[in-house]
C-alpha atoms as a PDB file:
ATOM      1  CA  MET A   1     -21.906  27.248 -22.999  1.00  0.00           C
ATOM      2  CA  ASN A   2     -24.092  27.589 -20.908  1.00  0.00           C
ATOM      3  CA  SER A   3     -23.465  28.606 -17.159  1.00  0.00           C
ATOM      4  CA  GLU A   4     -24.338  25.192 -16.279  1.00  0.00           C
ATOM      5  CA  THR A   5     -21.829  23.355 -18.435  1.00  0.00           C
ATOM      6  CA  LEU A   6     -18.986  26.345 -17.491  1.00  0.00           C
ATOM      7  CA  ASN A   7     -20.348  25.266 -12.849  1.00  0.00           C
ATOM      8  CA  LYS A   8     -20.148  21.790 -14.327  1.00  0.00           C
ATOM      9  CA  ARG A   9     -16.592  21.722 -15.995  1.00  0.00           C
ATOM     10  CA  LYS A  10     -15.166  24.368 -13.174  1.00  0.00           C
ATOM     11  CA  ARG A  11     -16.154  21.786 -10.718  1.00  0.00           C
ATOM     12  CA  GLU A  12     -14.146  18.489 -13.030  1.00  0.00           C
ATOM     13  CA  LEU A  13     -11.674  20.674 -12.811  1.00  0.00           C
ATOM     14  CA  GLY A  14     -11.104  21.437  -9.008  1.00  0.00           C
ATOM     15  CA  LEU A  15     -11.271  25.255  -9.458  1.00  0.00           C
ATOM     16  CA  THR A  16     -11.866  27.897  -7.089  1.00  0.00           C
ATOM     17  CA  THR A  17     -13.509  31.342  -9.181  1.00  0.00           C
ATOM     18  CA  GLU A  18     -10.568  33.163  -7.794  1.00  0.00           C
ATOM     19  CA  GLN A  19      -8.578  30.355  -9.183  1.00  0.00           C
ATOM     20  CA  LEU A  20     -10.211  30.683 -12.574  1.00  0.00           C
ATOM     21  CA  SER A  21     -10.298  33.972 -12.393  1.00  0.00           C
ATOM     22  CA  GLN A  22      -6.086  33.862 -12.089  1.00  0.00           C
ATOM     23  CA  LEU A  23      -5.359  31.575 -15.341  1.00  0.00           C
ATOM     24  CA  SER A  24      -8.018  33.326 -17.297  1.00  0.00           C
ATOM     25  CA  GLY A  25      -7.962  37.144 -16.351  1.00  0.00           C
ATOM     26  CA  VAL A  26     -11.690  37.453 -16.214  1.00  0.00           C
ATOM     27  CA  PRO A  27     -12.318  39.452 -12.930  1.00  0.00           C
ATOM     28  CA  VAL A  28     -13.862  36.967  -9.817  1.00  0.00           C
ATOM     29  CA  GLY A  29     -17.051  39.454  -9.985  1.00  0.00           C
ATOM     30  CA  THR A  30     -17.572  38.764 -13.541  1.00  0.00           C
ATOM     31  CA  ILE A  31     -17.605  34.767 -13.851  1.00  0.00           C
ATOM     32  CA  ASN A  32     -19.910  35.084 -10.713  1.00  0.00           C
ATOM     33  CA  LYS A  33     -22.430  36.721 -12.315  1.00  0.00           C
ATOM     34  CA  ILE A  34     -22.238  34.634 -15.035  1.00  0.00           C
ATOM     35  CA  LEU A  35     -21.863  31.554 -13.940  1.00  0.00           C
ATOM     36  CA  ASN A  36     -25.060  32.520 -11.437  1.00  0.00           C
ATOM     37  CA  GLY A  37     -26.720  32.995 -14.224  1.00  0.00           C
ATOM     38  CA  GLU A  38     -27.031  37.240 -13.493  1.00  0.00           C
ATOM     39  CA  THR A  39     -25.394  37.855 -17.019  1.00  0.00           C
ATOM     40  CA  ARG A  40     -27.085  35.905 -19.442  1.00  0.00           C
ATOM     41  CA  SER A  41     -25.339  37.367 -22.564  1.00  0.00           C
ATOM     42  CA  PRO A  42     -21.465  37.975 -21.625  1.00  0.00           C
ATOM     43  CA  ARG A  43     -19.090  39.154 -24.000  1.00  0.00           C
ATOM     44  CA  TYR A  44     -17.110  37.112 -26.543  1.00  0.00           C
ATOM     45  CA  TYR A  45     -13.875  37.479 -24.950  1.00  0.00           C
ATOM     46  CA  THR A  46     -15.448  36.841 -21.955  1.00  0.00           C
ATOM     47  CA  LEU A  47     -16.238  33.298 -22.939  1.00  0.00           C
ATOM     48  CA  GLN A  48     -13.564  33.282 -24.956  1.00  0.00           C
ATOM     49  CA  ALA A  49     -10.650  33.212 -21.909  1.00  0.00           C
ATOM     50  CA  LEU A  50     -13.419  31.004 -19.544  1.00  0.00           C
ATOM     51  CA  GLY A  51     -13.441  28.957 -22.299  1.00  0.00           C
ATOM     52  CA  LYS A  52     -10.341  28.717 -22.832  1.00  0.00           C
ATOM     53  CA  VAL A  53      -9.643  27.588 -19.433  1.00  0.00           C
ATOM     54  CA  LEU A  54     -12.292  25.319 -18.706  1.00  0.00           C
ATOM     55  CA  PHE A  55     -11.790  23.745 -22.231  1.00  0.00           C
ATOM     56  CA  GLY A  56      -8.715  24.400 -23.742  1.00  0.00           C
ATOM     57  CA  GLU A  57      -8.611  25.840 -27.110  1.00  0.00           C
ATOM     58  CA  GLU A  58     -11.441  23.815 -29.097  1.00  0.00           C
ATOM     59  CA  GLY A  59     -13.468  24.770 -25.904  1.00  0.00           C
ATOM     60  CA  ALA A  60     -13.404  28.475 -26.710  1.00  0.00           C
ATOM     61  CA  PRO A  61     -16.270  30.281 -28.717  1.00  0.00           C
ATOM     62  CA  SER A  62     -16.181  31.061 -32.297  1.00  0.00           C
ATOM     63  CA  GLU A  63     -17.261  33.670 -33.743  1.00  0.00           C
ATOM     64  CA  LYS A  64     -20.084  33.155 -34.309  1.00  0.00           C
ATOM     65  CA  ASP A  65     -21.306  32.862 -30.389  1.00  0.00           C
ATOM     66  CA  GLN A  66     -20.113  36.289 -29.983  1.00  0.00           C
ATOM     67  CA  PHE A  67     -22.376  37.861 -27.639  1.00  0.00           C
ATOM     68  CA  LEU A  68     -23.109  41.569 -27.269  1.00  0.00           C
ATOM     69  CA  SER A  69     -25.219  42.779 -23.810  1.00  0.00           C
ATOM     70  CA  ALA A  70     -24.738  45.442 -22.352  1.00  0.00           C
ATOM     71  CA  ASP A  71     -25.185  44.077 -18.704  1.00  0.00           C
ATOM     72  CA  ALA A  72     -21.622  42.578 -19.501  1.00  0.00           C
ATOM     73  CA  ASP A  73     -18.997  43.998 -17.621  1.00  0.00           C
ATOM     74  CA  LEU A  74     -15.639  42.891 -19.133  1.00  0.00           C
ATOM     75  CA  SER A  75     -13.381  44.692 -22.423  1.00  0.00           C
ATOM     76  CA  CYS A  76     -11.495  43.927 -25.296  1.00  0.00           C
ATOM     77  CA  GLU A  77      -8.593  44.186 -23.150  1.00  0.00           C
ATOM     78  CA  VAL A  78      -9.351  40.475 -21.003  1.00  0.00           C
ATOM     79  CA  ARG A  79      -7.869  38.920 -25.125  1.00  0.00           C
ATOM     80  CA  GLU A  80      -4.401  41.005 -23.676  1.00  0.00           C
ATOM     81  CA  SER A  81      -4.859  39.417 -20.348  1.00  0.00           C
ATOM     82  CA  ALA A  82      -6.180  36.625 -20.600  1.00  0.00           C
ATOM     83  CA  ALA A  83      -3.924  33.327 -19.764  1.00  0.00           C
ATOM     84  CA  PRO A  84      -3.979  30.141 -21.739  1.00  0.00           C
ATOM     85  CA  TYR A  85      -2.764  27.670 -19.342  1.00  0.00           C
ATOM     86  CA  LEU A  86      -5.402  25.380 -19.282  1.00  0.00           C
ATOM     87  CA  THR A  87      -5.036  24.565 -23.341  1.00  0.00           C
ATOM     88  CA  LYS A  88      -4.679  20.455 -22.918  1.00  0.00           C
ATOM     89  CA  ARG A  89      -7.768  18.509 -22.262  1.00  0.00           C
ATOM     90  CA  GLN A  90      -6.980  15.981 -18.522  1.00  0.00           C
ATOM     91  CA  GLY A  91      -4.717  13.352 -18.875  1.00  0.00           C
ATOM     92  CA  GLU A  92      -2.319  15.180 -21.687  1.00  0.00           C
ATOM     93  CA  TYR A  93      -1.298  17.865 -19.643  1.00  0.00           C
ATOM     94  CA  THR A  94       3.241  17.671 -19.010  1.00  0.00           C
ATOM     95  CA  VAL A  95       5.711  18.919 -16.300  1.00  0.00           C
ATOM     96  CA  GLU A  96       6.372  21.786 -18.479  1.00  0.00           C
ATOM     97  CA  ASP A  97       3.207  22.376 -18.687  1.00  0.00           C
ATOM     98  CA  TYR A  98       2.353  22.561 -14.724  1.00  0.00           C
ATOM     99  CA  ARG A  99       5.642  24.498 -14.225  1.00  0.00           C
ATOM    100  CA  ARG A 100       3.762  27.379 -16.335  1.00  0.00           C
ATOM    101  CA  LEU A 101       1.298  27.824 -13.361  1.00  0.00           C
ATOM    102  CA  PRO A 102       1.492  30.982 -11.791  1.00  0.00           C
ATOM    103  CA  GLU A 103       3.155  29.825  -8.444  1.00  0.00           C
ATOM    104  CA  ASP A 104       0.650  31.110  -5.889  1.00  0.00           C
ATOM    105  CA  LEU A 105      -1.839  28.342  -7.435  1.00  0.00           C
ATOM    106  CA  ARG A 106      -1.685  25.187  -5.885  1.00  0.00           C
ATOM    107  CA  ALA A 107      -1.630  21.893  -8.251  1.00  0.00           C
ATOM    108  CA  GLU A 108      -0.997  18.916  -8.710  1.00  0.00           C
ATOM    109  CA  LEU A 109      -0.056  16.819 -11.843  1.00  0.00           C
ATOM    110  CA  ILE A 110      -1.655  12.837 -11.456  1.00  0.00           C
ATOM    111  CA  ASP A 111      -0.629  10.781 -14.769  1.00  0.00           C
ATOM    112  CA  GLY A 112      -0.883  14.202 -16.597  1.00  0.00           C
ATOM    113  CA  THR A 113      -4.232  15.546 -14.918  1.00  0.00           C
ATOM    114  CA  LEU A 114      -4.223  18.977 -13.733  1.00  0.00           C
ATOM    115  CA  ILE A 115      -5.630  18.952  -9.894  1.00  0.00           C
ATOM    116  CA  PHE A 116      -6.221  22.301  -7.943  1.00  0.00           C
ATOM    117  CA  SER A 117      -6.474  22.673  -4.233  1.00  0.00           C
ATOM    118  CA  GLU A 118      -8.029  25.832  -2.394  1.00  0.00           C
ATOM    119  CA  ALA A 119      -5.003  26.892   0.816  1.00  0.00           C
ATOM    120  CA  PRO A 120      -5.482  24.735   3.538  1.00  0.00           C
ATOM    121  CA  THR A 121      -6.849  25.351   7.102  1.00  0.00           C
ATOM    122  CA  PHE A 122      -5.719  25.907   9.957  1.00  0.00           C
ATOM    123  CA  THR A 123      -5.949  22.796  11.747  1.00  0.00           C
ATOM    124  CA  HIS A 124      -3.961  20.895   8.484  1.00  0.00           C
ATOM    125  CA  GLN A 125      -1.114  23.528   9.292  1.00  0.00           C
ATOM    126  CA  GLU A 126      -0.503  23.096  12.698  1.00  0.00           C
ATOM    127  CA  LEU A 127      -0.719  18.842  11.940  1.00  0.00           C
ATOM    128  CA  VAL A 128       1.798  19.173   9.733  1.00  0.00           C
ATOM    129  CA  THR A 129       3.610  21.611  11.673  1.00  0.00           C
ATOM    130  CA  GLU A 130       3.118  19.087  14.996  1.00  0.00           C
ATOM    131  CA  LEU A 131       4.754  16.113  12.795  1.00  0.00           C
ATOM    132  CA  LEU A 132       7.541  17.411  11.170  1.00  0.00           C
ATOM    133  CA  PHE A 133       8.873  19.101  14.540  1.00  0.00           C
ATOM    134  CA  GLU A 134       8.421  15.062  15.723  1.00  0.00           C
ATOM    135  CA  LEU A 135      10.155  14.224  12.558  1.00  0.00           C
ATOM    136  CA  GLN A 136      13.248  17.168  12.250  1.00  0.00           C
ATOM    137  CA  MET A 137      13.831  16.627  16.508  1.00  0.00           C
ATOM    138  CA  PHE A 138      14.441  13.056  16.191  1.00  0.00           C
ATOM    139  CA  ILE A 139      16.745  12.934  13.059  1.00  0.00           C
ATOM    140  CA  ARG A 140      18.649  15.763  14.624  1.00  0.00           C
ATOM    141  CA  THR A 141      19.132  14.065  18.091  1.00  0.00           C
ATOM    142  CA  ASN A 142      19.782  10.834  16.130  1.00  0.00           C
ATOM    143  CA  GLN A 143      22.571  13.343  13.788  1.00  0.00           C
ATOM    144  CA  GLY A 144      19.955  11.159  10.846  1.00  0.00           C
ATOM    145  CA  SER A 145      21.084  12.482   6.962  1.00  0.00           C
ATOM    146  CA  CYS A 146      17.679  12.538   6.283  1.00  0.00           C
ATOM    147  CA  ARG A 147      15.821  15.843   4.955  1.00  0.00           C
ATOM    148  CA  VAL A 148      11.612  16.539   5.667  1.00  0.00           C
ATOM    149  CA  LEU A 149       9.731  18.681   4.361  1.00  0.00           C
ATOM    150  CA  PRO A 150       6.462  20.442   3.704  1.00  0.00           C
ATOM    151  CA  ALA A 151       4.229  20.956   0.856  1.00  0.00           C
ATOM    152  CA  PRO A 152       4.600  23.489  -1.484  1.00  0.00           C
ATOM    153  CA  LEU A 153       7.328  20.773  -2.759  1.00  0.00           C
ATOM    154  CA  ASP A 154       7.643  19.593  -6.102  1.00  0.00           C
ATOM    155  CA  VAL A 155       8.108  15.371  -6.395  1.00  0.00           C
ATOM    156  CA  GLN A 156       7.774  13.994  -9.562  1.00  0.00           C
ATOM    157  CA  LEU A 157       7.707  10.263  -8.358  1.00  0.00           C
ATOM    158  CA  ASP A 158       8.448   8.606 -11.668  1.00  0.00           C
ATOM    159  CA  CYS A 159      10.986  11.037 -12.550  1.00  0.00           C
ATOM    160  CA  ASP A 160       8.600  11.320 -15.759  1.00  0.00           C
ATOM    161  CA  ASP A 161       6.688  14.006 -17.156  1.00  0.00           C
ATOM    162  CA  ARG A 162       3.295  13.087 -16.680  1.00  0.00           C
ATOM    163  CA  THR A 163       3.074  13.415 -12.859  1.00  0.00           C
ATOM    164  CA  VAL A 164       4.105  15.645 -10.102  1.00  0.00           C
ATOM    165  CA  VAL A 165       2.027  15.416  -6.561  1.00  0.00           C
ATOM    166  CA  GLN A 166       2.969  17.937  -3.482  1.00  0.00           C
ATOM    167  CA  PRO A 167       2.755  15.718  -0.270  1.00  0.00           C
ATOM    168  CA  ASP A 168       2.157  17.564   2.838  1.00  0.00           C
ATOM    169  CA  ILE A 169       5.605  16.046   4.718  1.00  0.00           C
ATOM    170  CA  ALA A 170       7.929  14.832   2.640  1.00  0.00           C
ATOM    171  CA  LEU A 171      10.842  12.246   4.388  1.00  0.00           C
ATOM    172  CA  ILE A 172      13.869  11.742   2.099  1.00  0.00           C
ATOM    173  CA  GLY A 173      16.609   9.121   2.797  1.00  0.00           C
ATOM    174  CA  GLN A 174      18.707   9.761  -0.789  1.00  0.00           C
ATOM    175  CA  GLU A 175      20.207  13.093  -1.122  1.00  0.00           C
ATOM    176  CA  LYS A 176      20.596  11.578  -5.267  1.00  0.00           C
ATOM    177  CA  LYS A 177      17.324  12.217  -5.755  1.00  0.00           C
ATOM    178  CA  ILE A 178      16.899  15.700  -4.347  1.00  0.00           C
ATOM    179  CA  THR A 179      17.308  18.797  -6.764  1.00  0.00           C
ATOM    180  CA  GLN A 180      17.106  22.639  -6.834  1.00  0.00           C
ATOM    181  CA  ARG A 181      12.987  22.749  -8.006  1.00  0.00           C
ATOM    182  CA  GLY A 182      11.900  19.554  -5.525  1.00  0.00           C
ATOM    183  CA  ILE A 183      12.397  15.693  -5.073  1.00  0.00           C
ATOM    184  CA  CYS A 184      13.078  13.264  -8.414  1.00  0.00           C
ATOM    185  CA  GLY A 185      12.352   9.736  -7.360  1.00  0.00           C
ATOM    186  CA  ALA A 186       9.678   8.493  -4.250  1.00  0.00           C
ATOM    187  CA  PRO A 187      10.265   9.393  -0.495  1.00  0.00           C
ATOM    188  CA  ASP A 188      11.363   7.342   2.116  1.00  0.00           C
ATOM    189  CA  PHE A 189       8.106   8.454   4.123  1.00  0.00           C
ATOM    190  CA  CYS A 190       4.652  10.326   2.880  1.00  0.00           C
ATOM    191  CA  ILE A 191       2.246  12.508   4.941  1.00  0.00           C
ATOM    192  CA  GLU A 192      -0.802  13.897   3.348  1.00  0.00           C
ATOM    193  CA  ILE A 193      -3.742  15.805   5.926  1.00  0.00           C
ATOM    194  CA  VAL A 194      -6.648  14.738   4.378  1.00  0.00           C
ATOM    195  CA  SER A 195      -9.179  17.182   4.132  1.00  0.00           C
ATOM    196  CA  ASP A 196     -13.006  16.744   2.472  1.00  0.00           C
ATOM    197  CA  ALA A 197     -12.170  17.394  -1.046  1.00  0.00           C
ATOM    198  CA  SER A 198      -8.958  15.214  -0.974  1.00  0.00           C
ATOM    199  CA  ARG A 199     -10.240  12.421   0.710  1.00  0.00           C
ATOM    200  CA  LYS A 200     -10.536  10.239  -2.280  1.00  0.00           C
ATOM    201  CA  ARG A 201      -8.170  10.809  -3.833  1.00  0.00           C
ATOM    202  CA  ASP A 202      -5.510  10.418  -0.544  1.00  0.00           C
ATOM    203  CA  TYR A 203      -6.669   7.025   0.001  1.00  0.00           C
ATOM    204  CA  GLY A 204      -7.484   5.506  -3.906  1.00  0.00           C
ATOM    205  CA  ILE A 205      -4.667   6.808  -6.444  1.00  0.00           C
ATOM    206  CA  LYS A 206      -2.113   8.676  -4.031  1.00  0.00           C
ATOM    207  CA  MET A 207      -1.523   5.335  -2.682  1.00  0.00           C
ATOM    208  CA  GLN A 208      -1.162   3.291  -5.812  1.00  0.00           C
ATOM    209  CA  LYS A 209       1.016   5.782  -7.246  1.00  0.00           C
ATOM    210  CA  TYR A 210       3.180   5.826  -3.373  1.00  0.00           C
ATOM    211  CA  MET A 211       3.682   2.623  -3.127  1.00  0.00           C
ATOM    212  CA  ASN A 212       4.118   1.644  -7.229  1.00  0.00           C
ATOM    213  CA  ALA A 213       6.816   4.230  -7.159  1.00  0.00           C
ATOM    214  CA  GLY A 214       8.441   2.678  -3.416  1.00  0.00           C
ATOM    215  CA  VAL A 215       7.533   4.886  -0.956  1.00  0.00           C
ATOM    216  CA  ARG A 216       7.975   3.010   2.233  1.00  0.00           C
ATOM    217  CA  GLU A 217       6.108   4.433   4.720  1.00  0.00           C
ATOM    218  CA  TYR A 218       2.597   6.000   3.863  1.00  0.00           C
ATOM    219  CA  TRP A 219       0.228   7.960   6.428  1.00  0.00           C
ATOM    220  CA  ILE A 220      -2.994   9.166   6.635  1.00  0.00           C
ATOM    221  CA  VAL A 221      -3.881  12.178   8.605  1.00  0.00           C
ATOM    222  CA  ASP A 222      -7.751  12.465   8.852  1.00  0.00           C
ATOM    223  CA  PRO A 223      -8.139  15.556  11.348  1.00  0.00           C
ATOM    224  CA  SER A 224     -12.074  15.094  10.904  1.00  0.00           C
ATOM    225  CA  ARG A 225     -12.793  12.108  11.483  1.00  0.00           C
ATOM    226  CA  ARG A 226      -9.447  11.876  13.716  1.00  0.00           C
ATOM    227  CA  LYS A 227      -7.580   8.691  13.322  1.00  0.00           C
ATOM    228  CA  ILE A 228      -4.461   7.763  11.176  1.00  0.00           C
ATOM    229  CA  VAL A 229      -4.241   4.873   8.470  1.00  0.00           C
ATOM    230  CA  CYS A 230      -0.931   4.357   8.428  1.00  0.00           C
ATOM    231  CA  TYR A 231       0.337   2.154   4.974  1.00  0.00           C
ATOM    232  CA  TRP A 232       3.566  -0.126   5.043  1.00  0.00           C
ATOM    233  CA  PHE A 233       4.752  -0.806   1.509  1.00  0.00           C
ATOM    234  CA  GLU A 234       7.749  -3.291   2.359  1.00  0.00           C
ATOM    235  CA  GLY A 235       7.505  -7.258   3.085  1.00  0.00           C
ATOM    236  CA  GLU A 236       5.903  -9.623   1.956  1.00  0.00           C
ATOM    237  CA  ASP A 237       2.537  -8.556   2.315  1.00  0.00           C
ATOM    238  CA  ALA A 238       2.836  -4.954   1.025  1.00  0.00           C
ATOM    239  CA  PRO A 239       0.464  -3.269   1.814  1.00  0.00           C
ATOM    240  CA  GLU A 240       0.569  -3.493   5.437  1.00  0.00           C
ATOM    241  CA  ILE A 241      -2.295  -1.203   6.217  1.00  0.00           C
ATOM    242  CA  MET A 242      -2.027   0.257  10.754  1.00  0.00           C
ATOM    243  CA  MET A 243      -5.179   1.846  11.900  1.00  0.00           C
ATOM    244  CA  TYR A 244      -4.874   4.053  15.186  1.00  0.00           C
ATOM    245  CA  THR A 245      -6.815   7.448  16.179  1.00  0.00           C
ATOM    246  CA  PHE A 246      -5.079  10.373  17.983  1.00  0.00           C
ATOM    247  CA  ASP A 247      -4.876   8.958  21.308  1.00  0.00           C
ATOM    248  CA  ASP A 248      -2.959   6.334  20.205  1.00  0.00           C
ATOM    249  CA  GLN A 249       0.970   6.645  19.843  1.00  0.00           C
ATOM    250  CA  ILE A 250       1.879   5.616  16.452  1.00  0.00           C
ATOM    251  CA  PRO A 251       5.892   4.317  15.559  1.00  0.00           C
ATOM    252  CA  VAL A 252       7.791   5.270  12.583  1.00  0.00           C
ATOM    253  CA  ARG A 253       8.134   2.178  10.650  1.00  0.00           C
ATOM    254  CA  ILE A 254      11.426   3.765   8.898  1.00  0.00           C
ATOM    255  CA  TYR A 255      12.774   3.711  11.711  1.00  0.00           C
ATOM    256  CA  SER A 256      12.005   0.440  13.471  1.00  0.00           C
ATOM    257  CA  GLY A 257       9.485   2.024  15.514  1.00  0.00           C
ATOM    258  CA  ARG A 258      12.154   3.662  17.862  1.00  0.00           C
ATOM    259  CA  LEU A 259      10.523   6.842  17.303  1.00  0.00           C
ATOM    260  CA  GLU A 260       7.003   7.007  18.250  1.00  0.00           C
ATOM    261  CA  ILE A 261       4.845  10.118  18.093  1.00  0.00           C
ATOM    262  CA  ASP A 262       2.262  10.497  20.508  1.00  0.00           C
ATOM    263  CA  PHE A 263      -1.019  11.239  19.220  1.00  0.00           C
ATOM    264  CA  ARG A 264      -2.665  12.366  22.621  1.00  0.00           C
ATOM    265  CA  GLN A 265      -0.492  15.042  23.110  1.00  0.00           C
ATOM    266  CA  ILE A 266      -1.080  16.618  19.143  1.00  0.00           C
ATOM    267  CA  ARG A 267      -4.625  16.273  20.190  1.00  0.00           C
ATOM    268  CA  ARG A 268      -4.162  18.349  22.684  1.00  0.00           C
ATOM    269  CA  ARG A 269      -2.096  20.877  21.366  1.00  0.00           C
ATOM    270  CA  LEU A 270      -4.579  21.715  18.068  1.00  0.00           C
ATOM    271  CA  TRP A 271      -7.180  24.874  18.417  1.00  0.00           C
ATOM    272  CA  LYS A 272     -10.398  23.760  19.179  1.00  0.00           C
ATOM    273  CA  GLU A 273     -12.713  25.934  16.607  1.00  0.00           C
ATOM    274  CA  GLU A 274     -16.111  25.449  19.422  1.00  0.00           C
ATOM    275  CA  SER A 275     -14.064  27.047  21.883  1.00  0.00           C
ATOM    276  CA  THR A 276     -13.297  30.435  19.872  1.00  0.00           C
END
């Protein structure tokens, strides 16, 4: 296992160095030295810990692959601190595996594949807060029974053991779908605040997953492009796709347009990086 192989697999899994450190028990500094080629001959137990996370049990080095370089900086204690959370091939993970991940790791499980995410940006969280406020105020004003919550919230769309997603915002109209661990079944309305890293997933596989599971309405809010794509999954022509900008008032279809969210007002309130 050379640094190129490790870097490639790390990118495939979508892991940050910090997340890889948490999962393997290998210090961040040691991982950086290995990945950038500074440490050319890492110790056997270092590679074993990284191999278990990146490639599963079969990816750990054998005894003949041991390296005893003087510039390695990790002791045999890694054996005991390593956390073998990722011991299967992508596509084979289950909800049980997902629930064994450390709580501070941001991850989703889609068709048996674990997908890791970095912490959200300030703008991402501002948009989540603004949209939550609009939805919650409408529900309260109209004495509605729907529940609206932000991520992290586990949503088992199909109530199976291969998929758990975390929509940035999920609105649930049927209380029977609510469990102590999250939601079992499709929310009525999901919103994703897209980032460069999640763009392909939000527009592609998640859109299909939400539609097939029975989500009624799905919005993708794209702050870098200042646009909103709204999918309506009910009706004969589903999916209906509407395109809006941050200068529009957008009707929420599950409420028959009685609620309109004014993105002009939201845009004016958003933090502007160039002004700091």
